[in-house]
Amino acid sequence: RALRAGVRLSPPSLRYYPAYLEARRRIEGREGPAVVARWLESAA
């Protein structure tokens, strides 16, 4: 229950894997890795 609520309230930078965010940037032609999300993924 808590995770469902947390998912709904989380911004994309925290909710989604960095690999997904970077894939969207790649497709849209934007550069730059998801630095904050990558750090959080490593910490997790």
PDB file of all heavy atoms in Angstrom:
ATOM      1  N   ARG A   1       0.836  -1.211   0.000  1.00  0.00           N
ATOM      2  CA  ARG A   1       0.000   0.000   0.000  1.00  0.00           C
ATOM      3  C   ARG A   1       0.867   1.256   0.000  1.00  0.00           C
ATOM      4  O   ARG A   1       0.601   2.208  -0.740  1.00  0.00           O
ATOM      5  CB  ARG A   1      -0.934   0.004   1.217  1.00  0.00           C
ATOM      6  CG  ARG A   1      -2.072  -0.997   1.147  1.00  0.00           C
ATOM      7  CD  ARG A   1      -3.141  -0.688   2.194  1.00  0.00           C
ATOM      8  NE  ARG A   1      -2.602  -0.738   3.552  1.00  0.00           N
ATOM      9  CZ  ARG A   1      -2.600  -1.836   4.306  1.00  0.00           C
ATOM     10  NH1 ARG A   1      -3.076  -2.981   3.822  1.00  0.00           N
ATOM     11  NH2 ARG A   1      -2.124  -1.793   5.543  1.00  0.00           N
ATOM     12  N   ALA A   2       1.905   1.253   0.830  1.00  0.00           N
ATOM     13  CA  ALA A   2       2.787   2.416   0.903  1.00  0.00           C
ATOM     14  C   ALA A   2       3.531   2.622  -0.414  1.00  0.00           C
ATOM     15  O   ALA A   2       3.708   3.765  -0.873  1.00  0.00           O
ATOM     16  CB  ALA A   2       3.786   2.242   2.046  1.00  0.00           C
ATOM     17  N   LEU A   3       3.969   1.542  -1.028  1.00  0.00           N
ATOM     18  CA  LEU A   3       4.679   1.656  -2.302  1.00  0.00           C
ATOM     19  C   LEU A   3       3.770   2.199  -3.399  1.00  0.00           C
ATOM     20  O   LEU A   3       4.208   2.997  -4.236  1.00  0.00           O
ATOM     21  CB  LEU A   3       5.257   0.305  -2.707  1.00  0.00           C
ATOM     22  CG  LEU A   3       6.439  -0.201  -1.877  1.00  0.00           C
ATOM     23  CD1 LEU A   3       6.785  -1.629  -2.247  1.00  0.00           C
ATOM     24  CD2 LEU A   3       7.659   0.708  -2.052  1.00  0.00           C
ATOM     25  N   ARG A   4       2.507   1.770  -3.419  1.00  0.00           N
ATOM     26  CA  ARG A   4       1.572   2.297  -4.421  1.00  0.00           C
ATOM     27  C   ARG A   4       1.430   3.804  -4.272  1.00  0.00           C
ATOM     28  O   ARG A   4       1.444   4.541  -5.263  1.00  0.00           O
ATOM     29  CB  ARG A   4       0.201   1.628  -4.272  1.00  0.00           C
ATOM     30  CG  ARG A   4       0.105   0.267  -4.924  1.00  0.00           C
ATOM     31  CD  ARG A   4      -1.346  -0.160  -5.101  1.00  0.00           C
ATOM     32  NE  ARG A   4      -2.046  -0.285  -3.841  1.00  0.00           N
ATOM     33  CZ  ARG A   4      -2.079  -1.389  -3.104  1.00  0.00           C
ATOM     34  NH1 ARG A   4      -1.443  -2.475  -3.523  1.00  0.00           N
ATOM     35  NH2 ARG A   4      -2.740  -1.428  -1.962  1.00  0.00           N
ATOM     36  N   ALA A   5       1.306   4.265  -3.036  1.00  0.00           N
ATOM     37  CA  ALA A   5       1.196   5.708  -2.810  1.00  0.00           C
ATOM     38  C   ALA A   5       2.491   6.415  -3.195  1.00  0.00           C
ATOM     39  O   ALA A   5       2.470   7.485  -3.820  1.00  0.00           O
ATOM     40  CB  ALA A   5       0.863   5.976  -1.345  1.00  0.00           C
ATOM     41  N   GLY A   6       3.624   5.815  -2.839  1.00  0.00           N
ATOM     42  CA  GLY A   6       4.908   6.430  -3.158  1.00  0.00           C
ATOM     43  C   GLY A   6       5.152   6.527  -4.643  1.00  0.00           C
ATOM     44  O   GLY A   6       5.683   7.542  -5.143  1.00  0.00           O
ATOM     45  N   VAL A   7       4.766   5.506  -5.390  1.00  0.00           N
ATOM     46  CA  VAL A   7       4.943   5.518  -6.846  1.00  0.00           C
ATOM     47  C   VAL A   7       4.149   6.658  -7.464  1.00  0.00           C
ATOM     48  O   VAL A   7       4.645   7.389  -8.330  1.00  0.00           O
ATOM     49  CB  VAL A   7       4.526   4.154  -7.448  1.00  0.00           C
ATOM     50  CG1 VAL A   7       4.346   4.272  -8.963  1.00  0.00           C
ATOM     51  CG2 VAL A   7       5.564   3.098  -7.127  1.00  0.00           C
ATOM     52  N   ARG A   8       2.917   6.827  -7.025  1.00  0.00           N
ATOM     53  CA  ARG A   8       2.073   7.881  -7.601  1.00  0.00           C
ATOM     54  C   ARG A   8       2.633   9.273  -7.321  1.00  0.00           C
ATOM     55  O   ARG A   8       2.484  10.194  -8.144  1.00  0.00           O
ATOM     56  CB  ARG A   8       0.649   7.780  -7.042  1.00  0.00           C
ATOM     57  CG  ARG A   8      -0.147   6.601  -7.570  1.00  0.00           C
ATOM     58  CD  ARG A   8      -1.629   6.759  -7.239  1.00  0.00           C
ATOM     59  NE  ARG A   8      -1.855   6.765  -5.806  1.00  0.00           N
ATOM     60  CZ  ARG A   8      -2.114   5.683  -5.082  1.00  0.00           C
ATOM     61  NH1 ARG A   8      -2.150   4.504  -5.666  1.00  0.00           N
ATOM     62  NH2 ARG A   8      -2.335   5.777  -3.782  1.00  0.00           N
ATOM     63  N   LEU A   9       3.285   9.445  -6.179  1.00  0.00           N
ATOM     64  CA  LEU A   9       3.768  10.771  -5.781  1.00  0.00           C
ATOM     65  C   LEU A   9       5.184  11.071  -6.265  1.00  0.00           C
ATOM     66  O   LEU A   9       5.632  12.212  -6.196  1.00  0.00           O
ATOM     67  CB  LEU A   9       3.723  10.893  -4.252  1.00  0.00           C
ATOM     68  CG  LEU A   9       2.330  10.837  -3.621  1.00  0.00           C
ATOM     69  CD1 LEU A   9       2.441  10.786  -2.097  1.00  0.00           C
ATOM     70  CD2 LEU A   9       1.487  12.029  -4.061  1.00  0.00           C
ATOM     71  N   SER A  10       5.899  10.069  -6.771  1.00  0.00           N
ATOM     72  CA  SER A  10       7.308  10.260  -7.129  1.00  0.00           C
ATOM     73  C   SER A  10       7.447  10.952  -8.483  1.00  0.00           C
ATOM     74  O   SER A  10       6.727  10.626  -9.429  1.00  0.00           O
ATOM     75  CB  SER A  10       8.022   8.909  -7.198  1.00  0.00           C
ATOM     76  OG  SER A  10       8.049   8.286  -5.938  1.00  0.00           O
ATOM     77  N   PRO A  11       8.390  11.891  -8.602  1.00  0.00           N
ATOM     78  CA  PRO A  11       8.663  12.499  -9.909  1.00  0.00           C
ATOM     79  C   PRO A  11       9.370  11.489 -10.817  1.00  0.00           C
ATOM     80  O   PRO A  11       9.960  10.519 -10.329  1.00  0.00           O
ATOM     81  CB  PRO A  11       9.598  13.664  -9.563  1.00  0.00           C
ATOM     82  CG  PRO A  11      10.285  13.219  -8.317  1.00  0.00           C
ATOM     83  CD  PRO A  11       9.268  12.421  -7.547  1.00  0.00           C
ATOM     84  N   PRO A  12       9.305  11.679 -12.129  1.00  0.00           N
ATOM     85  CA  PRO A  12       9.932  10.730 -13.054  1.00  0.00           C
ATOM     86  C   PRO A  12      11.404  10.465 -12.758  1.00  0.00           C
ATOM     87  O   PRO A  12      11.884   9.346 -12.938  1.00  0.00           O
ATOM     88  CB  PRO A  12       9.748  11.396 -14.425  1.00  0.00           C
ATOM     89  CG  PRO A  12       8.530  12.246 -14.265  1.00  0.00           C
ATOM     90  CD  PRO A  12       8.581  12.752 -12.849  1.00  0.00           C
ATOM     91  N   SER A  13      12.141  11.484 -12.293  1.00  0.00           N
ATOM     92  CA  SER A  13      13.566  11.309 -12.037  1.00  0.00           C
ATOM     93  C   SER A  13      13.844  10.297 -10.939  1.00  0.00           C
ATOM     94  O   SER A  13      14.933   9.722 -10.876  1.00  0.00           O
ATOM     95  CB  SER A  13      14.214  12.650 -11.673  1.00  0.00           C
ATOM     96  OG  SER A  13      13.597  13.187 -10.512  1.00  0.00           O
ATOM     97  N   LEU A  14      12.869  10.073 -10.055  1.00  0.00           N
ATOM     98  CA  LEU A  14      13.015   9.092  -8.986  1.00  0.00           C
ATOM     99  C   LEU A  14      12.231   7.817  -9.268  1.00  0.00           C
ATOM    100  O   LEU A  14      12.632   6.734  -8.862  1.00  0.00           O
ATOM    101  CB  LEU A  14      12.552   9.680  -7.650  1.00  0.00           C
ATOM    102  CG  LEU A  14      13.307  10.912  -7.146  1.00  0.00           C
ATOM    103  CD1 LEU A  14      12.731  11.350  -5.809  1.00  0.00           C
ATOM    104  CD2 LEU A  14      14.786  10.613  -7.011  1.00  0.00           C
ATOM    105  N   ARG A  15      11.120   7.958  -9.968  1.00  0.00           N
ATOM    106  CA  ARG A  15      10.228   6.817 -10.189  1.00  0.00           C
ATOM    107  C   ARG A  15      10.782   5.830 -11.203  1.00  0.00           C
ATOM    108  O   ARG A  15      10.597   4.618 -11.037  1.00  0.00           O
ATOM    109  CB  ARG A  15       8.868   7.331 -10.661  1.00  0.00           C
ATOM    110  CG  ARG A  15       7.900   6.227 -11.024  1.00  0.00           C
ATOM    111  CD  ARG A  15       6.516   6.775 -11.319  1.00  0.00           C
ATOM    112  NE  ARG A  15       5.624   5.741 -11.820  1.00  0.00           N
ATOM    113  CZ  ARG A  15       4.329   5.907 -12.036  1.00  0.00           C
ATOM    114  NH1 ARG A  15       3.768   7.090 -11.796  1.00  0.00           N
ATOM    115  NH2 ARG A  15       3.587   4.918 -12.493  1.00  0.00           N
ATOM    116  N   TYR A  16      11.458   6.338 -12.242  1.00  0.00           N
ATOM    117  CA  TYR A  16      11.867   5.477 -13.347  1.00  0.00           C
ATOM    118  C   TYR A  16      13.361   5.174 -13.307  1.00  0.00           C
ATOM    119  O   TYR A  16      14.169   5.982 -12.830  1.00  0.00           O
ATOM    120  CB  TYR A  16      11.522   6.131 -14.685  1.00  0.00           C
ATOM    121  CG  TYR A  16      10.050   6.433 -14.852  1.00  0.00           C
ATOM    122  CD1 TYR A  16       9.625   7.675 -15.327  1.00  0.00           C
ATOM    123  CD2 TYR A  16       9.085   5.486 -14.507  1.00  0.00           C
ATOM    124  CE1 TYR A  16       8.275   7.953 -15.475  1.00  0.00           C
ATOM    125  CE2 TYR A  16       7.729   5.767 -14.651  1.00  0.00           C
ATOM    126  CZ  TYR A  16       7.331   7.004 -15.135  1.00  0.00           C
ATOM    127  OH  TYR A  16       5.997   7.282 -15.271  1.00  0.00           O
ATOM    128  N   TYR A  17      13.723   4.008 -13.840  1.00  0.00           N
ATOM    129  CA  TYR A  17      15.131   3.631 -13.928  1.00  0.00           C
ATOM    130  C   TYR A  17      15.894   4.628 -14.799  1.00  0.00           C
ATOM    131  O   TYR A  17      15.385   5.096 -15.826  1.00  0.00           O
ATOM    132  CB  TYR A  17      15.284   2.246 -14.550  1.00  0.00           C
ATOM    133  CG  TYR A  17      15.024   1.094 -13.614  1.00  0.00           C
ATOM    134  CD1 TYR A  17      13.999   0.190 -13.879  1.00  0.00           C
ATOM    135  CD2 TYR A  17      15.811   0.893 -12.482  1.00  0.00           C
ATOM    136  CE1 TYR A  17      13.764  -0.896 -13.036  1.00  0.00           C
ATOM    137  CE2 TYR A  17      15.583  -0.184 -11.638  1.00  0.00           C
ATOM    138  CZ  TYR A  17      14.554  -1.071 -11.922  1.00  0.00           C
ATOM    139  OH  TYR A  17      14.332  -2.132 -11.089  1.00  0.00           O
ATOM    140  N   PRO A  18      17.146   4.938 -14.433  1.00  0.00           N
ATOM    141  CA  PRO A  18      17.968   5.819 -15.260  1.00  0.00           C
ATOM    142  C   PRO A  18      18.097   5.324 -16.699  1.00  0.00           C
ATOM    143  O   PRO A  18      18.147   6.121 -17.634  1.00  0.00           O
ATOM    144  CB  PRO A  18      19.322   5.813 -14.542  1.00  0.00           C
ATOM    145  CG  PRO A  18      18.984   5.519 -13.128  1.00  0.00           C
ATOM    146  CD  PRO A  18      17.816   4.583 -13.175  1.00  0.00           C
ATOM    147  N   ALA A  19      18.164   4.004 -16.891  1.00  0.00           N
ATOM    148  CA  ALA A  19      18.306   3.473 -18.255  1.00  0.00           C
ATOM    149  C   ALA A  19      17.123   3.871 -19.126  1.00  0.00           C
ATOM    150  O   ALA A  19      17.291   4.146 -20.329  1.00  0.00           O
ATOM    151  CB  ALA A  19      18.446   1.953 -18.198  1.00  0.00           C
ATOM    152  N   TYR A  20      15.938   3.906 -18.544  1.00  0.00           N
ATOM    153  CA  TYR A  20      14.750   4.325 -19.294  1.00  0.00           C
ATOM    154  C   TYR A  20      14.822   5.819 -19.610  1.00  0.00           C
ATOM    155  O   TYR A  20      14.548   6.245 -20.736  1.00  0.00           O
ATOM    156  CB  TYR A  20      13.485   4.019 -18.500  1.00  0.00           C
ATOM    157  CG  TYR A  20      12.257   4.726 -19.020  1.00  0.00           C
ATOM    158  CD1 TYR A  20      11.621   4.293 -20.178  1.00  0.00           C
ATOM    159  CD2 TYR A  20      11.735   5.843 -18.359  1.00  0.00           C
ATOM    160  CE1 TYR A  20      10.501   4.943 -20.671  1.00  0.00           C
ATOM    161  CE2 TYR A  20      10.612   6.496 -18.840  1.00  0.00           C
ATOM    162  CZ  TYR A  20       9.994   6.044 -19.998  1.00  0.00           C
ATOM    163  OH  TYR A  20       8.894   6.702 -20.484  1.00  0.00           O
ATOM    164  N   LEU A  21      15.184   6.635 -18.607  1.00  0.00           N
ATOM    165  CA  LEU A  21      15.269   8.076 -18.825  1.00  0.00           C
ATOM    166  C   LEU A  21      16.307   8.408 -19.882  1.00  0.00           C
ATOM    167  O   LEU A  21      16.105   9.290 -20.731  1.00  0.00           O
ATOM    168  CB  LEU A  21      15.607   8.774 -17.505  1.00  0.00           C
ATOM    169  CG  LEU A  21      14.566   8.612 -16.387  1.00  0.00           C
ATOM    170  CD1 LEU A  21      15.085   9.231 -15.100  1.00  0.00           C
ATOM    171  CD2 LEU A  21      13.230   9.220 -16.790  1.00  0.00           C
ATOM    172  N   GLU A  22      17.432   7.688 -19.849  1.00  0.00           N
ATOM    173  CA  GLU A  22      18.469   7.918 -20.855  1.00  0.00           C
ATOM    174  C   GLU A  22      18.008   7.474 -22.237  1.00  0.00           C
ATOM    175  O   GLU A  22      18.354   8.085 -23.251  1.00  0.00           O
ATOM    176  CB  GLU A  22      19.748   7.199 -20.443  1.00  0.00           C
ATOM    177  CG  GLU A  22      20.389   7.825 -19.205  1.00  0.00           C
ATOM    178  CD  GLU A  22      21.556   7.023 -18.672  1.00  0.00           C
ATOM    179  OE1 GLU A  22      22.010   6.090 -19.366  1.00  0.00           O
ATOM    180  OE2 GLU A  22      22.008   7.321 -17.553  1.00  0.00           O
ATOM    181  N   ALA A  23      17.211   6.407 -22.301  1.00  0.00           N
ATOM    182  CA  ALA A  23      16.679   5.961 -23.588  1.00  0.00           C
ATOM    183  C   ALA A  23      15.744   7.011 -24.173  1.00  0.00           C
ATOM    184  O   ALA A  23      15.775   7.271 -25.386  1.00  0.00           O
ATOM    185  CB  ALA A  23      15.941   4.632 -23.410  1.00  0.00           C
ATOM    186  N   ARG A  24      14.920   7.623 -23.332  1.00  0.00           N
ATOM    187  CA  ARG A  24      14.049   8.684 -23.838  1.00  0.00           C
ATOM    188  C   ARG A  24      14.856   9.870 -24.344  1.00  0.00           C
ATOM    189  O   ARG A  24      14.530  10.460 -25.380  1.00  0.00           O
ATOM    190  CB  ARG A  24      13.087   9.141 -22.724  1.00  0.00           C
ATOM    191  CG  ARG A  24      12.060   8.103 -22.300  1.00  0.00           C
ATOM    192  CD  ARG A  24      11.218   7.634 -23.478  1.00  0.00           C
ATOM    193  NE  ARG A  24      10.529   8.717 -24.146  1.00  0.00           N
ATOM    194  CZ  ARG A  24       9.225   8.922 -24.094  1.00  0.00           C
ATOM    195  NH1 ARG A  24       8.455   8.125 -23.353  1.00  0.00           N
ATOM    196  NH2 ARG A  24       8.661   9.913 -24.757  1.00  0.00           N
ATOM    197  N   ARG A  25      15.921  10.224 -23.621  1.00  0.00           N
ATOM    198  CA  ARG A  25      16.782  11.315 -24.081  1.00  0.00           C
ATOM    199  C   ARG A  25      17.416  10.969 -25.424  1.00  0.00           C
ATOM    200  O   ARG A  25      17.515  11.811 -26.321  1.00  0.00           O
ATOM    201  CB  ARG A  25      17.874  11.606 -23.047  1.00  0.00           C
ATOM    202  CG  ARG A  25      17.397  12.305 -21.786  1.00  0.00           C
ATOM    203  CD  ARG A  25      18.594  12.613 -20.873  1.00  0.00           C
ATOM    204  NE  ARG A  25      18.203  13.436 -19.755  1.00  0.00           N
ATOM    205  CZ  ARG A  25      17.720  12.986 -18.605  1.00  0.00           C
ATOM    206  NH1 ARG A  25      17.579  11.679 -18.440  1.00  0.00           N
ATOM    207  NH2 ARG A  25      17.372  13.806 -17.637  1.00  0.00           N
ATOM    208  N   ARG A  26      17.857   9.731 -25.560  1.00  0.00           N
ATOM    209  CA  ARG A  26      18.503   9.296 -26.804  1.00  0.00           C
ATOM    210  C   ARG A  26      17.539   9.417 -27.980  1.00  0.00           C
ATOM    211  O   ARG A  26      17.885   9.944 -29.040  1.00  0.00           O
ATOM    212  CB  ARG A  26      18.971   7.859 -26.657  1.00  0.00           C
ATOM    213  CG  ARG A  26      19.666   7.295 -27.892  1.00  0.00           C
ATOM    214  CD  ARG A  26      20.068   5.844 -27.689  1.00  0.00           C
ATOM    215  NE  ARG A  26      18.912   4.952 -27.624  1.00  0.00           N
ATOM    216  CZ  ARG A  26      18.586   4.222 -26.565  1.00  0.00           C
ATOM    217  NH1 ARG A  26      19.303   4.269 -25.462  1.00  0.00           N
ATOM    218  NH2 ARG A  26      17.531   3.425 -26.596  1.00  0.00           N
ATOM    219  N   ILE A  27      16.324   8.961 -27.798  1.00  0.00           N
ATOM    220  CA  ILE A  27      15.342   8.993 -28.873  1.00  0.00           C
ATOM    221  C   ILE A  27      14.972  10.425 -29.236  1.00  0.00           C
ATOM    222  O   ILE A  27      14.758  10.763 -30.413  1.00  0.00           O
ATOM    223  CB  ILE A  27      14.089   8.194 -28.461  1.00  0.00           C
ATOM    224  CG1 ILE A  27      14.440   6.711 -28.325  1.00  0.00           C
ATOM    225  CG2 ILE A  27      12.960   8.369 -29.469  1.00  0.00           C
ATOM    226  CD1 ILE A  27      13.355   5.889 -27.674  1.00  0.00           C
ATOM    227  N   GLU A  28      14.916  11.283 -28.230  1.00  0.00           N
ATOM    228  CA  GLU A  28      14.548  12.683 -28.447  1.00  0.00           C
ATOM    229  C   GLU A  28      15.726  13.538 -28.882  1.00  0.00           C
ATOM    230  O   GLU A  28      15.574  14.740 -29.124  1.00  0.00           O
ATOM    231  CB  GLU A  28      13.931  13.251 -27.172  1.00  0.00           C
ATOM    232  CG  GLU A  28      12.608  12.573 -26.794  1.00  0.00           C
ATOM    233  CD  GLU A  28      12.196  12.852 -25.362  1.00  0.00           C
ATOM    234  OE1 GLU A  28      12.897  13.659 -24.694  1.00  0.00           O
ATOM    235  OE2 GLU A  28      11.191  12.278 -24.907  1.00  0.00           O
ATOM    236  N   GLY A  29      16.918  12.929 -28.946  1.00  0.00           N
ATOM    237  CA  GLY A  29      18.091  13.665 -29.397  1.00  0.00           C
ATOM    238  C   GLY A  29      18.689  14.573 -28.357  1.00  0.00           C
ATOM    239  O   GLY A  29      19.445  15.495 -28.685  1.00  0.00           O
ATOM    240  N   ARG A  30      18.366  14.341 -27.093  1.00  0.00           N
ATOM    241  CA  ARG A  30      18.925  15.139 -26.010  1.00  0.00           C
ATOM    242  C   ARG A  30      20.059  14.380 -25.356  1.00  0.00           C
ATOM    243  O   ARG A  30      20.024  13.169 -25.215  1.00  0.00           O
ATOM    244  CB  ARG A  30      17.847  15.459 -24.959  1.00  0.00           C
ATOM    245  CG  ARG A  30      16.725  16.317 -25.513  1.00  0.00           C
ATOM    246  CD  ARG A  30      15.758  16.730 -24.417  1.00  0.00           C
ATOM    247  NE  ARG A  30      14.955  15.610 -23.944  1.00  0.00           N
ATOM    248  CZ  ARG A  30      14.903  15.218 -22.688  1.00  0.00           C
ATOM    249  NH1 ARG A  30      15.659  15.805 -21.764  1.00  0.00           N
ATOM    250  NH2 ARG A  30      14.134  14.201 -22.322  1.00  0.00           N
ATOM    251  N   GLU A  31      21.077  15.085 -24.914  1.00  0.00           N
ATOM    252  CA  GLU A  31      22.250  14.473 -24.289  1.00  0.00           C
ATOM    253  C   GLU A  31      22.181  14.616 -22.790  1.00  0.00           C
ATOM    254  O   GLU A  31      21.430  15.431 -22.248  1.00  0.00           O
ATOM    255  CB  GLU A  31      23.545  15.129 -24.813  1.00  0.00           C
ATOM    256  CG  GLU A  31      23.744  14.985 -26.309  1.00  0.00           C
ATOM    257  CD  GLU A  31      23.927  13.546 -26.737  1.00  0.00           C
ATOM    258  OE1 GLU A  31      24.450  12.751 -25.921  1.00  0.00           O
ATOM    259  OE2 GLU A  31      23.546  13.207 -27.859  1.00  0.00           O
ATOM    260  N   GLY A  32      23.001  13.837 -22.103  1.00  0.00           N
ATOM    261  CA  GLY A  32      23.127  13.984 -20.653  1.00  0.00           C
ATOM    262  C   GLY A  32      22.491  12.846 -19.906  1.00  0.00           C
ATOM    263  O   GLY A  32      21.299  12.581 -20.066  1.00  0.00           O
ATOM    264  N   PRO A  33      23.281  12.143 -19.083  1.00  0.00           N
ATOM    265  CA  PRO A  33      22.734  11.030 -18.308  1.00  0.00           C
ATOM    266  C   PRO A  33      21.893  11.515 -17.141  1.00  0.00           C
ATOM    267  O   PRO A  33      21.988  12.664 -16.706  1.00  0.00           O
ATOM    268  CB  PRO A  33      23.992  10.308 -17.806  1.00  0.00           C
ATOM    269  CG  PRO A  33      25.013  11.397 -17.703  1.00  0.00           C
ATOM    270  CD  PRO A  33      24.716  12.340 -18.850  1.00  0.00           C
ATOM    271  N   ALA A  34      21.073  10.649 -16.627  1.00  0.00           N
ATOM    272  CA  ALA A  34      20.258  10.955 -15.448  1.00  0.00           C
ATOM    273  C   ALA A  34      21.130  10.780 -14.208  1.00  0.00           C
ATOM    274  O   ALA A  34      21.122   9.746 -13.563  1.00  0.00           O
ATOM    275  CB  ALA A  34      19.047  10.033 -15.399  1.00  0.00           C
ATOM    276  N   VAL A  35      21.896  11.815 -13.879  1.00  0.00           N
ATOM    277  CA  VAL A  35      22.930  11.689 -12.856  1.00  0.00           C
ATOM    278  C   VAL A  35      22.337  11.359 -11.492  1.00  0.00           C
ATOM    279  O   VAL A  35      22.789  10.437 -10.812  1.00  0.00           O
ATOM    280  CB  VAL A  35      23.755  12.994 -12.779  1.00  0.00           C
ATOM    281  CG1 VAL A  35      24.775  12.883 -11.661  1.00  0.00           C
ATOM    282  CG2 VAL A  35      24.441  13.260 -14.103  1.00  0.00           C
ATOM    283  N   VAL A  36      21.312  12.093 -11.070  1.00  0.00           N
ATOM    284  CA  VAL A  36      20.729  11.866  -9.748  1.00  0.00           C
ATOM    285  C   VAL A  36      20.126  10.474  -9.668  1.00  0.00           C
ATOM    286  O   VAL A  36      20.344   9.727  -8.706  1.00  0.00           O
ATOM    287  CB  VAL A  36      19.662  12.933  -9.441  1.00  0.00           C
ATOM    288  CG1 VAL A  36      18.942  12.599  -8.133  1.00  0.00           C
ATOM    289  CG2 VAL A  36      20.309  14.311  -9.354  1.00  0.00           C
ATOM    290  N   ALA A  37      19.366  10.104 -10.698  1.00  0.00           N
ATOM    291  CA  ALA A  37      18.732   8.782 -10.686  1.00  0.00           C
ATOM    292  C   ALA A  37      19.769   7.673 -10.734  1.00  0.00           C
ATOM    293  O   ALA A  37      19.613   6.628 -10.114  1.00  0.00           O
ATOM    294  CB  ALA A  37      17.769   8.661 -11.865  1.00  0.00           C
ATOM    295  N   ARG A  38      20.848   7.880 -11.479  1.00  0.00           N
ATOM    296  CA  ARG A  38      21.900   6.860 -11.538  1.00  0.00           C
ATOM    297  C   ARG A  38      22.541   6.670 -10.169  1.00  0.00           C
ATOM    298  O   ARG A  38      22.830   5.542  -9.756  1.00  0.00           O
ATOM    299  CB  ARG A  38      22.959   7.282 -12.568  1.00  0.00           C
ATOM    300  CG  ARG A  38      24.093   6.298 -12.729  1.00  0.00           C
ATOM    301  CD  ARG A  38      23.632   5.026 -13.406  1.00  0.00           C
ATOM    302  NE  ARG A  38      23.370   5.235 -14.803  1.00  0.00           N
ATOM    303  CZ  ARG A  38      22.786   4.341 -15.594  1.00  0.00           C
ATOM    304  NH1 ARG A  38      22.376   3.196 -15.103  1.00  0.00           N
ATOM    305  NH2 ARG A  38      22.571   4.599 -16.868  1.00  0.00           N
ATOM    306  N   TRP A  39      22.750   7.767  -9.456  1.00  0.00           N
ATOM    307  CA  TRP A  39      23.325   7.651  -8.108  1.00  0.00           C
ATOM    308  C   TRP A  39      22.373   6.883  -7.194  1.00  0.00           C
ATOM    309  O   TRP A  39      22.789   6.023  -6.428  1.00  0.00           O
ATOM    310  CB  TRP A  39      23.589   9.041  -7.532  1.00  0.00           C
ATOM    311  CG  TRP A  39      24.171   8.991  -6.153  1.00  0.00           C
ATOM    312  CD1 TRP A  39      25.476   8.855  -5.798  1.00  0.00           C
ATOM    313  CD2 TRP A  39      23.431   9.044  -4.915  1.00  0.00           C
ATOM    314  NE1 TRP A  39      25.592   8.816  -4.423  1.00  0.00           N
ATOM    315  CE2 TRP A  39      24.368   8.930  -3.865  1.00  0.00           C
ATOM    316  CE3 TRP A  39      22.078   9.178  -4.615  1.00  0.00           C
ATOM    317  CZ2 TRP A  39      23.980   8.959  -2.534  1.00  0.00           C
ATOM    318  CZ3 TRP A  39      21.690   9.194  -3.286  1.00  0.00           C
ATOM    319  CH2 TRP A  39      22.633   9.091  -2.262  1.00  0.00           C
ATOM    320  N   LEU A  40      21.078   7.197  -7.281  1.00  0.00           N
ATOM    321  CA  LEU A  40      20.100   6.512  -6.445  1.00  0.00           C
ATOM    322  C   LEU A  40      20.011   5.028  -6.788  1.00  0.00           C
ATOM    323  O   LEU A  40      19.874   4.178  -5.907  1.00  0.00           O
ATOM    324  CB  LEU A  40      18.726   7.166  -6.605  1.00  0.00           C
ATOM    325  CG  LEU A  40      18.573   8.544  -5.945  1.00  0.00           C
ATOM    326  CD1 LEU A  40      17.259   9.171  -6.370  1.00  0.00           C
ATOM    327  CD2 LEU A  40      18.633   8.417  -4.435  1.00  0.00           C
ATOM    328  N   GLU A  41      20.108   4.713  -8.077  1.00  0.00           N
ATOM    329  CA  GLU A  41      20.092   3.307  -8.491  1.00  0.00           C
ATOM    330  C   GLU A  41      21.286   2.566  -7.899  1.00  0.00           C
ATOM    331  O   GLU A  41      21.165   1.452  -7.395  1.00  0.00           O
ATOM    332  CB  GLU A  41      20.115   3.221 -10.011  1.00  0.00           C
ATOM    333  CG  GLU A  41      20.118   1.803 -10.559  1.00  0.00           C
ATOM    334  CD  GLU A  41      20.260   1.811 -12.058  1.00  0.00           C
ATOM    335  OE1 GLU A  41      19.249   1.902 -12.758  1.00  0.00           O
ATOM    336  OE2 GLU A  41      21.406   1.732 -12.536  1.00  0.00           O
ATOM    337  N   SER A  42      22.457   3.208  -7.936  1.00  0.00           N
ATOM    338  CA  SER A  42      23.655   2.592  -7.372  1.00  0.00           C
ATOM    339  C   SER A  42      23.518   2.420  -5.864  1.00  0.00           C
ATOM    340  O   SER A  42      23.861   1.380  -5.309  1.00  0.00           O
ATOM    341  CB  SER A  42      24.887   3.450  -7.683  1.00  0.00           C
ATOM    342  OG  SER A  42      26.036   2.948  -7.068  1.00  0.00           O
ATOM    343  N   ALA A  43      22.948   3.431  -5.193  1.00  0.00           N
ATOM    344  CA  ALA A  43      22.766   3.346  -3.744  1.00  0.00           C
ATOM    345  C   ALA A  43      21.793   2.240  -3.387  1.00  0.00           C
ATOM    346  O   ALA A  43      21.977   1.509  -2.411  1.00  0.00           O
ATOM    347  CB  ALA A  43      22.267   4.694  -3.204  1.00  0.00           C
ATOM    348  N   ALA A  44      20.723   2.089  -4.175  1.00  0.00           N
ATOM    349  CA  ALA A  44      19.733   1.045  -3.924  1.00  0.00           C
ATOM    350  C   ALA A  44      20.352  -0.332  -4.095  1.00  0.00           C
ATOM    351  O   ALA A  44      20.080  -1.253  -3.316  1.00  0.00           O
ATOM    352  CB  ALA A  44      18.533   1.211  -4.851  1.00  0.00           C
TER     353      ALA A  44
END
